[in-house]
N, C-alpha and C. Protein backbone atom coordinates (compact mmCIF):
# COMPACT_ATOMS: atom_id res chain seq x y z
N UNK A 1 -16.51 24.88 34.48
CA UNK A 1 -16.54 23.89 33.54
C UNK A 1 -15.14 23.74 32.58
N UNK A 2 -14.53 22.56 32.53
CA UNK A 2 -13.42 22.40 31.77
C UNK A 2 -13.59 22.27 30.24
N UNK A 3 -12.84 22.98 29.37
CA UNK A 3 -12.91 22.82 28.09
C UNK A 3 -12.60 21.50 27.48
N UNK A 4 -11.37 21.20 28.08
CA UNK A 4 -10.62 19.93 27.71
C UNK A 4 -10.68 18.89 28.88
N UNK A 5 -11.19 17.61 28.32
CA UNK A 5 -11.13 16.53 29.53
C UNK A 5 -10.00 15.84 29.39
N UNK A 6 -9.35 15.51 30.49
CA UNK A 6 -8.15 14.55 30.57
C UNK A 6 -8.74 13.11 30.32
N UNK A 7 -7.87 12.52 29.22
CA UNK A 7 -8.37 11.24 28.96
C UNK A 7 -7.96 10.28 30.04
N UNK A 8 -8.85 9.69 30.54
CA UNK A 8 -8.62 8.69 31.72
C UNK A 8 -8.66 7.33 31.27
N UNK A 9 -9.14 6.90 30.14
CA UNK A 9 -9.02 5.50 29.41
C UNK A 9 -8.43 5.44 28.14
N UNK A 10 -7.67 4.49 27.94
CA UNK A 10 -7.09 4.44 26.69
C UNK A 10 -7.91 3.83 25.60
N UNK A 11 -7.52 3.96 24.38
CA UNK A 11 -8.13 3.33 23.24
C UNK A 11 -7.89 1.73 23.08
N UNK A 12 -8.74 1.02 22.72
CA UNK A 12 -8.57 -0.29 22.69
C UNK A 12 -7.57 -0.69 21.54
N UNK A 13 -6.70 -1.47 21.85
CA UNK A 13 -5.60 -1.86 20.95
C UNK A 13 -4.23 -1.06 20.94
N UNK A 14 -4.37 -0.14 22.12
CA UNK A 14 -3.12 0.59 22.44
C UNK A 14 -2.59 -0.14 23.60
N UNK A 15 -1.47 -0.45 23.53
CA UNK A 15 -0.57 -1.18 24.60
C UNK A 15 0.48 -0.46 25.06
N UNK A 16 0.66 -0.56 26.40
CA UNK A 16 1.76 0.28 27.15
C UNK A 16 2.50 -0.82 28.01
N UNK A 17 3.61 -0.30 28.52
CA UNK A 17 4.36 -0.86 29.49
C UNK A 17 4.56 -0.10 30.57
N UNK A 18 4.11 -0.34 31.90
CA UNK A 18 4.07 0.46 33.10
C UNK A 18 5.42 0.27 33.58
N UNK A 19 6.24 1.40 33.92
CA UNK A 19 7.57 1.13 34.41
C UNK A 19 7.63 1.02 36.00
N UNK A 20 6.46 1.51 36.53
CA UNK A 20 6.25 1.51 37.91
C UNK A 20 6.07 0.17 38.54
N UNK A 21 5.01 -0.36 37.80
CA UNK A 21 4.21 -1.50 38.18
C UNK A 21 4.83 -2.83 37.47
N UNK A 22 5.71 -2.40 36.33
CA UNK A 22 6.41 -3.50 35.57
C UNK A 22 5.24 -4.43 35.01
N UNK A 23 4.33 -4.06 34.33
CA UNK A 23 3.21 -4.75 33.73
C UNK A 23 2.86 -4.12 32.52
N UNK A 24 2.12 -5.04 31.60
CA UNK A 24 1.62 -4.34 30.38
C UNK A 24 0.20 -4.01 30.65
N UNK A 25 -0.26 -3.04 30.10
CA UNK A 25 -1.72 -2.37 30.16
C UNK A 25 -2.20 -2.10 28.89
N UNK A 26 -3.31 -2.39 28.78
CA UNK A 26 -4.21 -1.92 27.29
C UNK A 26 -4.68 -0.50 27.70
N UNK A 27 -4.49 0.52 26.94
CA UNK A 27 -4.62 1.95 27.25
C UNK A 27 -3.87 2.45 28.45
N UNK A 28 -3.71 3.60 28.41
CA UNK A 28 -2.72 4.26 29.48
C UNK A 28 -3.54 4.21 30.87
N UNK A 29 -3.23 3.26 31.73
CA UNK A 29 -3.90 3.37 33.10
C UNK A 29 -2.99 4.22 33.93
N UNK A 30 -1.60 4.29 33.64
CA UNK A 30 -0.57 4.89 34.51
C UNK A 30 -0.23 6.16 33.81
N UNK A 31 0.39 7.31 34.67
CA UNK A 31 0.92 8.50 33.84
C UNK A 31 1.86 8.24 32.91
N UNK A 32 1.91 9.17 31.95
CA UNK A 32 2.84 9.09 30.91
C UNK A 32 4.27 8.99 31.47
N UNK A 33 4.73 9.48 32.48
CA UNK A 33 5.99 9.59 33.07
C UNK A 33 6.58 8.11 33.45
N UNK A 34 5.50 7.33 33.66
CA UNK A 34 5.65 5.98 34.16
C UNK A 34 5.45 4.80 33.22
N UNK A 35 5.47 5.36 31.86
CA UNK A 35 5.09 4.13 30.75
C UNK A 35 6.02 4.17 29.62
N UNK A 36 5.97 3.10 28.84
CA UNK A 36 6.52 3.27 27.54
C UNK A 36 5.41 2.91 26.58
N UNK A 37 5.25 3.45 25.37
CA UNK A 37 4.27 3.19 24.39
C UNK A 37 3.69 4.39 23.85
N UNK A 38 2.68 4.18 23.02
CA UNK A 38 1.76 2.99 22.76
C UNK A 38 2.70 2.01 21.74
N UNK A 39 2.36 0.66 22.07
CA UNK A 39 2.69 -0.33 21.08
C UNK A 39 1.53 -0.97 20.52
N UNK A 40 1.85 -1.59 19.24
CA UNK A 40 0.59 -2.07 18.44
C UNK A 40 0.06 -3.33 18.91
N UNK A 41 0.92 -4.13 19.78
CA UNK A 41 0.52 -5.30 20.30
C UNK A 41 0.94 -5.67 21.71
N UNK A 42 0.08 -6.53 22.49
CA UNK A 42 0.67 -6.85 23.74
C UNK A 42 1.96 -7.32 23.71
N UNK A 43 2.50 -8.18 22.89
CA UNK A 43 3.69 -9.03 22.68
C UNK A 43 4.78 -7.79 22.54
N UNK A 44 4.61 -6.78 21.76
CA UNK A 44 5.51 -5.69 21.76
C UNK A 44 5.67 -4.93 23.05
N UNK A 45 4.68 -4.66 23.62
CA UNK A 45 4.66 -3.98 25.05
C UNK A 45 5.50 -4.85 25.97
N UNK A 46 5.24 -6.28 26.05
CA UNK A 46 5.83 -7.15 26.91
C UNK A 46 7.42 -7.08 26.69
N UNK A 47 7.91 -6.80 25.46
CA UNK A 47 9.34 -6.66 25.42
C UNK A 47 9.85 -5.17 25.22
N UNK A 48 9.23 -4.35 25.98
CA UNK A 48 9.49 -2.89 25.97
C UNK A 48 10.71 -2.66 26.47
N UNK A 49 11.12 -3.33 27.55
CA UNK A 49 12.50 -3.12 28.33
C UNK A 49 13.67 -3.70 27.35
N UNK A 50 13.32 -4.83 26.87
CA UNK A 50 14.40 -5.43 25.95
C UNK A 50 14.64 -4.46 24.70
N UNK A 51 13.53 -3.85 24.15
CA UNK A 51 13.69 -2.93 23.10
C UNK A 51 14.45 -1.87 23.30
N UNK A 52 14.16 -1.18 24.57
CA UNK A 52 14.74 -0.13 25.00
C UNK A 52 16.34 -0.42 25.27
N UNK A 53 16.69 -1.54 25.69
CA UNK A 53 18.03 -1.82 26.01
C UNK A 53 18.91 -2.05 24.73
N UNK A 54 18.10 -2.55 23.69
CA UNK A 54 18.78 -2.78 22.37
C UNK A 54 18.92 -1.27 21.72
N UNK A 55 17.96 -0.51 21.77
CA UNK A 55 18.12 0.77 21.39
C UNK A 55 19.27 1.57 22.03
N UNK A 56 19.29 1.53 23.38
CA UNK A 56 20.31 2.37 24.03
C UNK A 56 21.83 1.63 23.62
N UNK A 57 21.99 0.37 23.50
CA UNK A 57 23.16 -0.05 22.98
C UNK A 57 23.55 0.34 21.60
N UNK A 58 22.65 0.57 20.67
CA UNK A 58 22.84 0.95 19.31
C UNK A 58 23.18 2.40 19.42
N UNK A 59 22.63 3.17 20.22
CA UNK A 59 22.98 4.58 20.56
C UNK A 59 24.29 4.59 21.07
N UNK A 60 24.73 3.93 21.98
CA UNK A 60 25.96 4.06 22.67
C UNK A 60 27.14 3.70 21.70
N UNK A 61 26.90 2.76 20.61
CA UNK A 61 27.87 2.48 19.76
C UNK A 61 27.85 3.13 18.57
N UNK A 62 26.75 4.20 18.27
CA UNK A 62 26.75 4.96 17.16
C UNK A 62 27.89 5.97 16.99
N UNK A 63 28.81 6.13 16.11
CA UNK A 63 29.85 7.15 16.02
C UNK A 63 29.19 8.56 15.92
N UNK A 64 28.07 8.61 15.23
CA UNK A 64 27.40 9.99 15.02
C UNK A 64 27.34 10.61 16.41
N UNK A 65 26.83 9.95 17.32
CA UNK A 65 26.76 10.54 18.58
C UNK A 65 27.85 10.66 19.51
N UNK A 66 29.05 10.32 19.25
CA UNK A 66 30.18 10.24 20.01
C UNK A 66 31.45 10.90 19.20
N UNK A 67 31.19 11.93 18.79
CA UNK A 67 32.17 12.64 18.03
C UNK A 67 33.20 13.35 19.03
N UNK A 68 34.25 14.08 18.49
CA UNK A 68 35.16 14.55 19.20
C UNK A 68 34.68 15.80 20.22
N UNK A 69 33.74 16.50 19.83
CA UNK A 69 33.20 17.59 20.69
C UNK A 69 32.50 17.01 21.83
N UNK A 70 31.71 15.75 21.62
CA UNK A 70 31.08 15.20 22.54
C UNK A 70 31.91 14.73 23.60
N UNK A 71 33.10 14.26 23.50
CA UNK A 71 33.96 13.66 24.37
C UNK A 71 34.68 14.85 24.94
N UNK A 72 34.67 16.08 24.62
CA UNK A 72 35.45 17.36 25.18
C UNK A 72 36.76 17.51 24.49
N UNK A 73 37.00 16.55 23.41
CA UNK A 73 38.45 16.91 22.39
C UNK A 73 38.23 18.22 21.83
N UNK A 74 39.21 18.99 21.84
CA UNK A 74 39.15 20.32 21.34
C UNK A 74 40.11 20.35 20.16
N UNK A 75 41.15 19.35 20.14
CA UNK A 75 42.16 19.39 19.27
C UNK A 75 41.66 18.55 17.88
N UNK A 76 41.49 19.27 16.87
CA UNK A 76 40.95 18.58 15.74
C UNK A 76 42.16 18.10 14.55
N UNK A 77 43.41 18.25 15.12
CA UNK A 77 44.32 17.96 14.11
C UNK A 77 45.49 17.15 14.71
């Protein structure tokens, strides 16, 4: 007998975006490796890929993540 049950059904009100099926699902129907979320609403989950793209762009343009050591520059003077 297992002490911990694997959660097979999601909670109502939790929304996810499945990367494999490219669809919004209420509760986690697909494995965690294949989804973004949870989101508070269906609309937020529908825009998951756009949100991820915006965040990636912000990260790529953030100077705190692209300092000299990250580029391989060793000359600090």
